[in-house]
């Protein structure tokens, strides 16, 4: 009887795992994760501002001054009082 219980439990587990995997739509999740990863976050922009000040001994005048210090899209951010302002700040 225990072998039968093991087989039934295994079948249920495999079917639930398959249904869960299909429901997650891994291709869409990966695409969304890549889009988020391509954008810079607030902490990264703040770090780039500190790096700019270290290199140039002055505050950056515009977000364009940080080009080359960050990878990703920073067009949604601006510099306010020496810190980053924008999404998530």
Protein backbone atom coordinates (compact mmCIF):
# COMPACT_ATOMS: atom_id res chain seq x y z
CA UNK A 1 0.00 0.00 0.00
CA UNK A 2 2.83 2.40 0.74
CA UNK A 3 4.21 2.02 -2.77
CA UNK A 4 0.84 3.04 -4.19
CA UNK A 5 0.77 6.09 -1.91
CA UNK A 6 4.26 7.03 -3.05
CA UNK A 7 3.28 6.76 -6.72
CA UNK A 8 0.14 8.85 -6.24
CA UNK A 9 2.00 11.50 -4.25
CA UNK A 10 4.71 11.65 -6.91
CA UNK A 11 2.17 12.06 -9.70
CA UNK A 12 0.41 14.84 -7.84
CA UNK A 13 3.68 16.62 -7.12
CA UNK A 14 4.82 16.43 -10.74
CA UNK A 15 1.49 17.67 -12.08
CA UNK A 16 1.39 20.60 -9.64
CA UNK A 17 4.97 21.53 -10.50
CA UNK A 18 4.19 21.42 -14.21
CA UNK A 19 1.08 23.55 -13.81
CA UNK A 20 2.95 26.05 -11.64
CA UNK A 21 5.76 26.34 -14.17
CA UNK A 22 3.28 26.93 -17.00
CA UNK A 23 1.38 29.51 -14.95
CA UNK A 24 4.51 31.52 -14.23
CA UNK A 25 5.22 32.10 -17.93
CA UNK A 26 9.00 32.05 -17.56
CA UNK A 27 9.65 33.85 -20.86
CA UNK A 28 7.61 36.86 -19.75
CA UNK A 29 9.23 36.85 -16.31
CA UNK A 30 12.69 36.80 -17.85
CA UNK A 31 11.83 39.63 -20.25
CA UNK A 32 10.50 41.76 -17.40
CA UNK A 33 13.54 41.03 -15.24
CA UNK A 34 15.87 42.02 -18.06
CA UNK A 35 13.97 45.30 -18.59
CA UNK A 36 14.23 46.16 -14.89
CA UNK A 37 17.91 45.22 -14.77
CA UNK A 38 18.67 47.48 -17.73
CA UNK A 39 17.57 50.54 -15.75
CA UNK A 40 19.72 52.16 -13.12
CA UNK A 41 18.36 52.52 -9.61
CA UNK A 42 18.52 55.45 -7.24
CA UNK A 43 21.44 54.10 -5.22
CA UNK A 44 23.50 53.55 -8.36
CA UNK A 45 22.86 57.14 -9.49
CA UNK A 46 23.86 58.45 -6.04
CA UNK A 47 27.04 56.38 -6.22
CA UNK A 48 27.79 57.79 -9.66
CA UNK A 49 27.34 61.33 -8.28
CA UNK A 50 29.87 60.58 -5.53
CA UNK A 51 32.27 59.16 -8.13
CA UNK A 52 31.84 62.26 -10.30
CA UNK A 53 32.59 64.56 -7.36
CA UNK A 54 35.66 62.47 -6.52
CA UNK A 55 36.96 62.66 -10.07
CA UNK A 56 36.13 66.30 -10.84
CA UNK A 57 36.06 68.06 -7.43
CA UNK A 58 32.68 69.62 -8.22
CA UNK A 59 29.04 68.59 -8.30
CA UNK A 60 27.60 67.41 -11.62
CA UNK A 61 25.47 70.09 -13.24
CA UNK A 62 23.18 67.67 -15.08
CA UNK A 63 22.46 63.97 -15.23
CA UNK A 64 24.28 63.90 -18.57
CA UNK A 65 27.53 64.57 -16.68
CA UNK A 66 27.29 61.03 -15.29
CA UNK A 67 27.58 59.38 -18.70
CA UNK A 68 30.25 56.72 -18.60
CA UNK A 69 29.94 56.21 -14.85
CA UNK A 70 26.79 54.08 -15.08
CA UNK A 71 25.46 51.34 -17.27
CA UNK A 72 21.75 51.48 -18.01
CA UNK A 73 19.13 54.10 -18.64
CA UNK A 74 19.39 57.09 -16.30
CA UNK A 75 17.19 59.44 -18.30
CA UNK A 76 14.38 59.26 -15.71
CA UNK A 77 16.61 60.77 -13.01
CA UNK A 78 17.71 64.30 -12.24
CA UNK A 79 20.10 65.83 -9.73
CA UNK A 80 18.55 67.86 -6.89
CA UNK A 81 20.79 69.33 -4.18
CA UNK A 82 23.60 66.95 -5.06
CA UNK A 83 21.54 63.76 -4.84
CA UNK A 84 19.54 61.69 -7.28
CA UNK A 85 15.83 62.35 -7.70
CA UNK A 86 13.58 60.11 -9.74
CA UNK A 87 11.91 56.71 -9.66
CA UNK A 88 12.39 54.97 -6.34
CA UNK A 89 14.20 57.85 -4.64
